[in-house]
N, C-alpha and C. Protein backbone atom coordinates (compact mmCIF):
# COMPACT_ATOMS: atom_id res chain seq x y z
N MET A 1 25.83 1.26 18.44
CA MET A 1 25.20 0.54 17.22
C MET A 1 24.41 -0.55 17.87
N ARG A 2 23.16 -0.84 17.26
CA ARG A 2 22.46 -1.89 17.82
C ARG A 2 22.72 -3.12 17.03
N MET A 3 23.03 -4.13 17.76
CA MET A 3 23.43 -5.42 17.20
C MET A 3 22.08 -6.37 16.94
N MET A 4 21.93 -6.92 15.50
CA MET A 4 20.88 -7.75 15.28
C MET A 4 20.93 -9.10 15.74
N LYS A 5 19.91 -9.63 16.39
CA LYS A 5 19.79 -10.96 16.95
C LYS A 5 19.76 -11.96 15.74
N PRO A 6 20.18 -13.04 16.11
CA PRO A 6 19.85 -14.13 14.91
C PRO A 6 18.59 -14.28 14.59
N GLY A 7 18.32 -14.58 13.34
CA GLY A 7 16.77 -14.63 12.89
C GLY A 7 16.05 -13.30 12.70
N TYR A 8 16.84 -12.37 12.82
CA TYR A 8 16.11 -10.94 12.53
C TYR A 8 16.06 -10.56 11.15
N CYS A 9 15.02 -10.32 10.69
CA CYS A 9 14.68 -9.80 9.27
C CYS A 9 13.87 -8.54 9.21
N ALA A 10 14.53 -7.54 8.71
CA ALA A 10 14.00 -6.17 8.79
C ALA A 10 12.70 -6.02 8.12
N LEU A 11 12.44 -6.80 6.98
CA LEU A 11 11.34 -6.83 6.33
C LEU A 11 10.24 -7.74 7.09
N ALA A 12 10.58 -8.56 7.79
CA ALA A 12 9.75 -9.43 8.57
C ALA A 12 9.06 -8.81 9.54
N GLU A 13 9.74 -7.87 10.33
CA GLU A 13 9.09 -7.16 11.48
C GLU A 13 9.80 -5.87 11.56
N PRO A 14 9.42 -4.91 10.84
CA PRO A 14 10.01 -3.57 11.01
C PRO A 14 9.66 -2.95 12.26
N GLN A 15 10.83 -2.49 12.82
CA GLN A 15 10.72 -1.75 14.30
C GLN A 15 11.24 -0.38 14.15
N GLY A 16 10.66 0.34 15.23
CA GLY A 16 11.23 1.70 15.46
C GLY A 16 11.27 2.60 14.26
N MET A 17 12.46 3.01 14.00
CA MET A 17 12.50 4.10 12.89
C MET A 17 11.97 3.56 11.53
N THR A 18 12.33 2.35 11.11
CA THR A 18 12.04 1.85 9.89
C THR A 18 10.33 1.73 9.80
N GLN A 19 9.64 1.25 10.86
CA GLN A 19 8.37 1.26 10.86
C GLN A 19 7.65 2.43 10.61
N THR A 20 8.31 3.61 11.46
CA THR A 20 7.90 4.93 11.32
C THR A 20 8.07 5.46 9.91
N VAL A 21 9.11 5.16 9.28
CA VAL A 21 9.33 5.63 7.81
C VAL A 21 8.15 4.94 6.90
N PHE A 22 7.92 3.79 7.10
CA PHE A 22 6.98 3.07 6.32
C PHE A 22 5.46 3.61 6.53
N ARG A 23 5.15 4.10 7.78
CA ARG A 23 3.78 4.62 8.18
C ARG A 23 3.78 5.96 7.63
N CYS A 24 4.85 6.74 7.63
CA CYS A 24 4.83 8.20 7.00
C CYS A 24 4.68 7.90 5.39
N LEU A 25 5.26 6.96 4.83
CA LEU A 25 5.22 6.84 3.55
C LEU A 25 3.99 6.47 3.20
N ALA A 26 3.40 5.27 3.87
CA ALA A 26 2.01 4.88 3.49
C ALA A 26 0.94 5.95 3.51
N TRP A 27 0.84 6.85 4.50
CA TRP A 27 -0.14 7.85 4.66
C TRP A 27 0.08 8.95 3.69
N GLY A 28 1.42 9.19 3.22
CA GLY A 28 1.70 10.12 2.36
C GLY A 28 1.28 9.63 1.06
N LEU A 29 1.27 8.39 0.66
CA LEU A 29 0.79 7.96 -0.59
C LEU A 29 -0.70 8.02 -0.74
N ILE A 30 -1.39 7.78 0.53
CA ILE A 30 -2.72 7.98 0.50
C ILE A 30 -3.17 9.48 0.22
N LEU A 31 -2.49 10.37 0.97
CA LEU A 31 -2.58 11.91 0.46
C LEU A 31 -2.59 11.98 -0.94
N GLY A 32 -1.34 11.79 -1.45
CA GLY A 32 -1.14 11.68 -2.85
C GLY A 32 -2.19 11.20 -3.77
N LEU A 33 -2.83 9.95 -3.37
CA LEU A 33 -3.83 9.32 -4.19
C LEU A 33 -5.08 10.24 -4.04
N PHE A 34 -5.34 10.85 -2.98
CA PHE A 34 -6.44 11.74 -2.86
C PHE A 34 -6.28 13.09 -3.64
N ILE A 35 -5.07 13.55 -3.88
CA ILE A 35 -4.79 14.70 -4.59
C ILE A 35 -5.12 14.21 -6.14
N VAL A 36 -4.69 13.09 -6.66
CA VAL A 36 -4.93 12.90 -7.95
C VAL A 36 -6.22 12.23 -8.15
N THR A 37 -7.01 11.73 -7.18
CA THR A 37 -8.17 11.11 -7.45
C THR A 37 -9.42 12.14 -7.41
N ASP A 38 -9.42 13.12 -6.37
CA ASP A 38 -10.44 13.94 -5.84
C ASP A 38 -10.26 15.32 -5.95
N THR A 39 -9.25 15.60 -6.85
CA THR A 39 -9.22 17.18 -7.22
C THR A 39 -9.37 17.40 -8.73
N PRO A 40 -9.42 18.77 -9.16
CA PRO A 40 -9.65 18.79 -10.53
C PRO A 40 -8.70 17.83 -11.46
N LEU A 41 -9.26 17.63 -12.67
CA LEU A 41 -8.74 16.76 -13.44
C LEU A 41 -7.30 17.19 -13.94
N ALA A 42 -7.08 18.57 -13.84
CA ALA A 42 -5.46 19.06 -14.26
C ALA A 42 -4.50 18.60 -13.27
N PHE A 43 -4.89 18.20 -12.12
CA PHE A 43 -3.95 17.64 -11.21
C PHE A 43 -3.56 16.13 -11.46
N ARG A 44 -4.44 15.42 -12.34
CA ARG A 44 -4.07 14.12 -12.61
C ARG A 44 -2.89 13.96 -13.31
N PRO A 45 -1.91 13.20 -12.90
CA PRO A 45 -0.76 12.79 -13.77
C PRO A 45 -1.05 12.08 -15.08
N HIS A 46 -0.40 12.31 -16.21
CA HIS A 46 -0.63 11.58 -17.29
C HIS A 46 0.35 10.61 -17.71
N THR A 47 0.32 9.42 -17.92
CA THR A 47 1.23 8.68 -18.18
C THR A 47 1.09 7.98 -19.41
N LEU A 48 2.08 7.19 -19.92
CA LEU A 48 1.81 6.59 -21.37
C LEU A 48 1.17 5.16 -21.21
N ILE A 49 0.98 4.66 -20.05
CA ILE A 49 0.29 3.51 -19.91
C ILE A 49 -1.17 3.62 -19.68
N SER A 50 -1.89 2.69 -19.50
CA SER A 50 -3.39 2.76 -19.53
C SER A 50 -3.72 3.26 -18.10
N ALA A 51 -4.86 3.88 -17.85
CA ALA A 51 -5.28 4.33 -16.62
C ALA A 51 -5.60 3.24 -15.59
N ASN A 52 -5.95 2.01 -16.09
CA ASN A 52 -6.24 0.99 -15.27
C ASN A 52 -4.81 0.31 -14.66
N ILE A 53 -3.96 0.42 -15.56
CA ILE A 53 -2.58 0.01 -15.00
C ILE A 53 -2.17 1.00 -13.87
N ASP A 54 -2.13 2.29 -14.34
CA ASP A 54 -1.96 3.28 -13.31
C ASP A 54 -2.68 3.04 -12.03
N ARG A 55 -3.86 2.89 -12.02
CA ARG A 55 -4.55 2.72 -10.98
C ARG A 55 -4.30 1.47 -10.12
N PHE A 56 -4.16 0.44 -10.71
CA PHE A 56 -3.72 -0.89 -10.16
C PHE A 56 -2.22 -0.73 -9.43
N ALA A 57 -1.29 -0.22 -10.18
CA ALA A 57 -0.03 0.04 -9.69
C ALA A 57 0.13 0.92 -8.51
N ALA A 58 -0.51 2.02 -8.56
CA ALA A 58 -0.63 2.91 -7.53
C ALA A 58 -1.06 2.37 -6.20
N LEU A 59 -2.23 1.64 -6.21
CA LEU A 59 -2.75 0.99 -5.20
C LEU A 59 -2.04 -0.21 -4.67
N PHE A 60 -1.40 -1.02 -5.59
CA PHE A 60 -0.34 -2.06 -5.32
C PHE A 60 0.66 -1.61 -4.33
N ILE A 61 1.30 -0.34 -4.67
CA ILE A 61 2.33 0.25 -4.09
C ILE A 61 1.94 0.59 -2.71
N ILE A 62 0.74 1.20 -2.65
CA ILE A 62 0.04 1.65 -1.28
C ILE A 62 -0.19 0.31 -0.43
N GLY A 63 -0.73 -0.63 -1.04
CA GLY A 63 -0.71 -1.92 -0.30
C GLY A 63 0.50 -2.50 0.48
N VAL A 64 1.44 -2.38 -0.47
CA VAL A 64 2.83 -2.77 0.13
C VAL A 64 3.24 -1.98 1.16
N ALA A 65 3.18 -0.78 1.05
CA ALA A 65 3.65 0.27 2.09
C ALA A 65 2.78 0.15 3.34
N PHE A 66 1.43 -0.04 3.37
CA PHE A 66 0.76 -0.20 4.50
C PHE A 66 1.01 -1.59 5.11
N SER A 67 1.31 -2.73 4.40
CA SER A 67 1.57 -3.94 4.87
C SER A 67 2.91 -3.86 5.63
N LEU A 68 3.92 -3.13 5.06
CA LEU A 68 5.26 -2.96 5.79
C LEU A 68 5.03 -2.02 7.14
N ALA A 69 4.19 -1.11 7.09
CA ALA A 69 3.94 0.01 7.97
C ALA A 69 3.36 -0.79 9.33
N TYR A 70 2.28 -1.63 9.01
CA TYR A 70 1.49 -2.21 10.02
C TYR A 70 1.36 -3.86 9.86
N PRO A 71 2.65 -4.56 10.17
CA PRO A 71 2.73 -5.89 9.66
C PRO A 71 1.97 -6.67 10.57
N LYS A 72 1.54 -6.50 11.54
CA LYS A 72 0.57 -7.36 12.43
C LYS A 72 -0.90 -7.12 12.30
N HIS A 73 -1.34 -6.32 11.28
CA HIS A 73 -2.72 -5.84 11.20
C HIS A 73 -3.23 -6.10 9.76
N VAL A 74 -3.12 -7.35 9.03
CA VAL A 74 -3.39 -7.43 7.70
C VAL A 74 -4.78 -7.13 7.46
N LEU A 75 -5.74 -7.82 8.07
CA LEU A 75 -7.12 -7.72 7.78
C LEU A 75 -7.74 -6.13 8.04
N PRO A 76 -7.23 -5.54 9.16
CA PRO A 76 -7.61 -4.20 9.26
C PRO A 76 -7.09 -3.29 8.14
N ILE A 77 -5.88 -3.54 7.73
CA ILE A 77 -5.34 -2.81 6.57
C ILE A 77 -6.08 -3.02 5.29
N LEU A 78 -6.50 -4.15 5.08
CA LEU A 78 -7.26 -4.52 3.88
C LEU A 78 -8.57 -3.74 4.02
N LEU A 79 -9.35 -3.70 4.96
CA LEU A 79 -10.64 -3.12 5.29
C LEU A 79 -10.55 -1.74 5.07
N VAL A 80 -9.44 -1.03 5.79
CA VAL A 80 -9.35 0.53 5.68
C VAL A 80 -9.09 0.82 4.23
N LEU A 81 -8.16 0.11 3.57
CA LEU A 81 -7.79 0.55 2.20
C LEU A 81 -8.92 0.38 1.31
N LEU A 82 -9.72 -0.66 1.37
CA LEU A 82 -10.93 -0.79 0.62
C LEU A 82 -11.90 0.14 0.90
N ALA A 83 -12.21 0.64 2.12
CA ALA A 83 -13.03 1.79 2.59
C ALA A 83 -12.58 3.07 1.87
N ILE A 84 -11.02 3.41 1.91
CA ILE A 84 -10.63 4.46 1.32
C ILE A 84 -10.97 4.51 -0.23
N VAL A 85 -10.66 3.45 -0.85
CA VAL A 85 -10.98 3.45 -2.25
C VAL A 85 -12.38 3.73 -2.62
N VAL A 86 -13.41 3.11 -1.90
CA VAL A 86 -14.72 3.21 -2.14
C VAL A 86 -15.00 4.81 -1.84
N GLY A 87 -14.56 5.24 -0.57
CA GLY A 87 -14.63 6.72 -0.37
C GLY A 87 -14.32 7.73 -1.26
N PHE A 88 -13.05 7.48 -1.93
CA PHE A 88 -12.39 8.27 -2.96
C PHE A 88 -13.21 8.31 -4.07
N GLU A 89 -13.87 7.06 -4.51
CA GLU A 89 -14.67 7.06 -5.79
C GLU A 89 -15.90 7.81 -5.41
N LEU A 90 -16.48 7.48 -4.44
CA LEU A 90 -17.73 8.19 -4.13
C LEU A 90 -17.67 9.88 -4.12
N ILE A 91 -16.57 10.24 -3.68
CA ILE A 91 -16.33 11.74 -3.61
C ILE A 91 -16.18 12.09 -5.13
N GLN A 92 -15.48 11.28 -5.98
CA GLN A 92 -15.53 11.73 -7.24
C GLN A 92 -16.88 11.96 -7.84
N ARG A 93 -18.01 11.33 -7.42
CA ARG A 93 -19.33 11.51 -8.00
C ARG A 93 -19.83 13.00 -7.66
N LEU A 94 -19.34 13.65 -6.58
CA LEU A 94 -19.68 14.97 -6.19
C LEU A 94 -19.09 16.02 -6.99
N LEU A 95 -17.92 15.69 -7.65
CA LEU A 95 -17.25 16.64 -8.35
C LEU A 95 -17.67 16.88 -9.75
N PRO A 96 -17.74 18.15 -10.26
CA PRO A 96 -18.30 18.20 -11.70
C PRO A 96 -17.49 17.79 -12.80
N ASP A 97 -16.02 17.84 -12.50
CA ASP A 97 -15.36 17.35 -13.80
C ASP A 97 -14.67 15.92 -13.63
N ARG A 98 -15.28 15.18 -12.53
CA ARG A 98 -14.56 13.88 -12.10
C ARG A 98 -15.68 12.88 -12.32
N HIS A 99 -15.39 11.60 -12.33
CA HIS A 99 -16.37 10.49 -12.36
C HIS A 99 -15.86 9.35 -11.47
N GLY A 100 -16.72 8.73 -10.80
CA GLY A 100 -16.42 7.63 -10.11
C GLY A 100 -17.14 6.38 -10.70
N HIS A 101 -16.42 5.45 -10.98
CA HIS A 101 -16.94 4.14 -11.69
C HIS A 101 -16.75 2.88 -10.80
N VAL A 102 -17.62 2.03 -10.81
CA VAL A 102 -17.49 0.67 -10.05
C VAL A 102 -16.17 -0.06 -10.65
N LYS A 103 -16.07 -0.04 -11.98
CA LYS A 103 -14.75 -0.46 -12.56
C LYS A 103 -13.43 0.07 -12.00
N ASP A 104 -13.43 1.21 -11.88
CA ASP A 104 -12.27 1.89 -11.45
C ASP A 104 -12.06 1.44 -9.86
N MET A 105 -13.14 1.37 -9.12
CA MET A 105 -13.08 0.87 -7.78
C MET A 105 -12.60 -0.58 -7.61
N LEU A 106 -13.07 -1.38 -8.62
CA LEU A 106 -12.55 -2.69 -8.50
C LEU A 106 -11.19 -2.91 -8.85
N VAL A 107 -10.75 -2.12 -9.84
CA VAL A 107 -9.12 -2.18 -10.35
C VAL A 107 -8.33 -1.78 -9.06
N LYS A 108 -8.82 -0.62 -8.43
CA LYS A 108 -7.97 -0.05 -7.28
C LYS A 108 -7.91 -1.06 -6.18
N GLY A 109 -9.32 -1.66 -5.78
CA GLY A 109 -9.38 -2.46 -4.74
C GLY A 109 -8.47 -3.96 -4.99
N THR A 110 -8.50 -4.25 -6.23
CA THR A 110 -7.66 -5.42 -6.56
C THR A 110 -6.08 -5.09 -6.33
N GLY A 111 -5.77 -4.06 -6.82
CA GLY A 111 -4.39 -3.42 -6.59
C GLY A 111 -3.69 -3.46 -5.12
N CYS A 112 -4.93 -2.87 -4.36
CA CYS A 112 -4.41 -2.75 -2.88
C CYS A 112 -4.49 -4.06 -2.27
N CYS A 113 -5.46 -4.89 -2.50
CA CYS A 113 -5.24 -6.30 -1.97
C CYS A 113 -4.12 -7.19 -2.42
N ALA A 114 -3.89 -6.91 -3.68
CA ALA A 114 -2.59 -7.73 -4.16
C ALA A 114 -1.39 -7.34 -3.50
N GLY A 115 -1.18 -5.97 -3.31
CA GLY A 115 -0.10 -5.41 -2.65
C GLY A 115 0.00 -5.86 -1.16
N VAL A 116 -0.97 -5.86 -0.31
CA VAL A 116 -1.07 -6.24 0.88
C VAL A 116 -0.65 -7.52 1.00
N ILE A 117 -1.32 -8.70 0.23
CA ILE A 117 -1.31 -10.00 0.23
C ILE A 117 0.14 -10.39 -0.11
N ILE A 118 0.73 -9.91 -1.25
CA ILE A 118 2.01 -10.20 -1.52
C ILE A 118 3.14 -9.85 -0.78
N ALA A 119 3.14 -8.51 -0.08
CA ALA A 119 4.15 -8.16 0.66
C ALA A 119 3.87 -8.89 2.09
N THR A 120 2.91 -9.24 2.61
CA THR A 120 2.62 -10.03 3.68
C THR A 120 3.32 -11.36 3.54
N ALA A 121 2.99 -12.03 2.35
CA ALA A 121 3.56 -13.44 2.05
C ALA A 121 5.09 -13.28 2.10
N LEU A 122 5.65 -12.32 1.23
CA LEU A 122 7.00 -12.16 1.28
C LEU A 122 7.75 -11.93 2.55
N ARG A 123 7.16 -11.12 3.42
CA ARG A 123 7.53 -10.67 4.82
C ARG A 123 7.74 -12.08 5.50
N ARG A 124 6.50 -12.81 5.54
CA ARG A 124 6.40 -14.09 6.26
C ARG A 124 7.52 -15.08 5.73
N SER A 125 7.70 -15.15 4.48
CA SER A 125 8.65 -16.17 3.97
C SER A 125 10.10 -15.74 4.40
N PHE A 126 10.37 -14.33 4.22
CA PHE A 126 11.66 -13.92 4.73
C PHE A 126 12.03 -14.19 6.23
N SER A 127 10.87 -14.00 7.02
CA SER A 127 11.05 -14.23 8.49
C SER A 127 11.37 -15.68 8.69
N ALA A 128 10.44 -16.63 8.13
CA ALA A 128 10.68 -18.10 8.13
C ALA A 128 12.13 -18.47 7.84
N ILE A 129 12.67 -17.93 6.66
CA ILE A 129 13.84 -18.39 6.18
C ILE A 129 14.93 -17.81 7.04
N SER A 130 14.90 -16.62 7.65
CA SER A 130 15.86 -16.11 8.45
C SER A 130 15.91 -16.85 9.77
N LYS A 131 14.75 -17.27 10.29
CA LYS A 131 14.72 -17.95 11.62
C LYS A 131 15.27 -19.33 11.33
N ARG A 132 15.05 -19.92 10.30
CA ARG A 132 15.68 -21.20 9.93
C ARG A 132 17.23 -21.20 9.79
N THR A 133 17.72 -20.40 9.02
CA THR A 133 18.95 -20.31 8.77
C THR A 133 19.83 -19.57 9.99
N GLY A 134 19.19 -18.85 10.77
CA GLY A 134 19.69 -18.02 11.89
C GLY A 134 20.60 -16.75 11.42
N SER A 135 20.45 -16.39 10.13
CA SER A 135 21.12 -15.18 9.66
C SER A 135 19.94 -14.21 9.22
N PRO A 136 20.31 -12.88 9.44
CA PRO A 136 19.37 -11.87 8.86
C PRO A 136 19.55 -11.88 7.35
N LEU A 137 18.27 -11.70 6.75
CA LEU A 137 18.28 -11.57 5.35
C LEU A 137 18.44 -10.07 4.89
N ILE A 138 17.87 -9.25 5.70
CA ILE A 138 18.15 -7.76 5.45
C ILE A 138 18.47 -7.09 6.71
């Protein structure tokens, strides 16, 4: 069994298996986003909340997952996620029963940026607290 050194925080710096799980989760979520965004409308899940809240929440979760998967690459993560959002919306323009709108792109982009920024801030806060106290938070 691996012993944790003082100041270790799993959310601050995921290592090994934890980071691999977050990477698989993050890319799996991107695949899921592609399926509901750029396939026929019948595959899009319907919820009881508004489509904009769905869009924001989905990309917020993806932003958090990527932030935890690649903790030292905040700016590249943001740029890649924003490029994916733009790409998925542009692909919708090519599909007969879908539509890509700038408004949707802005909602999704805001969601992924918020997810990355909040997860990064929390991870850094947890790391600072655990280093200061000398005990792991997680």
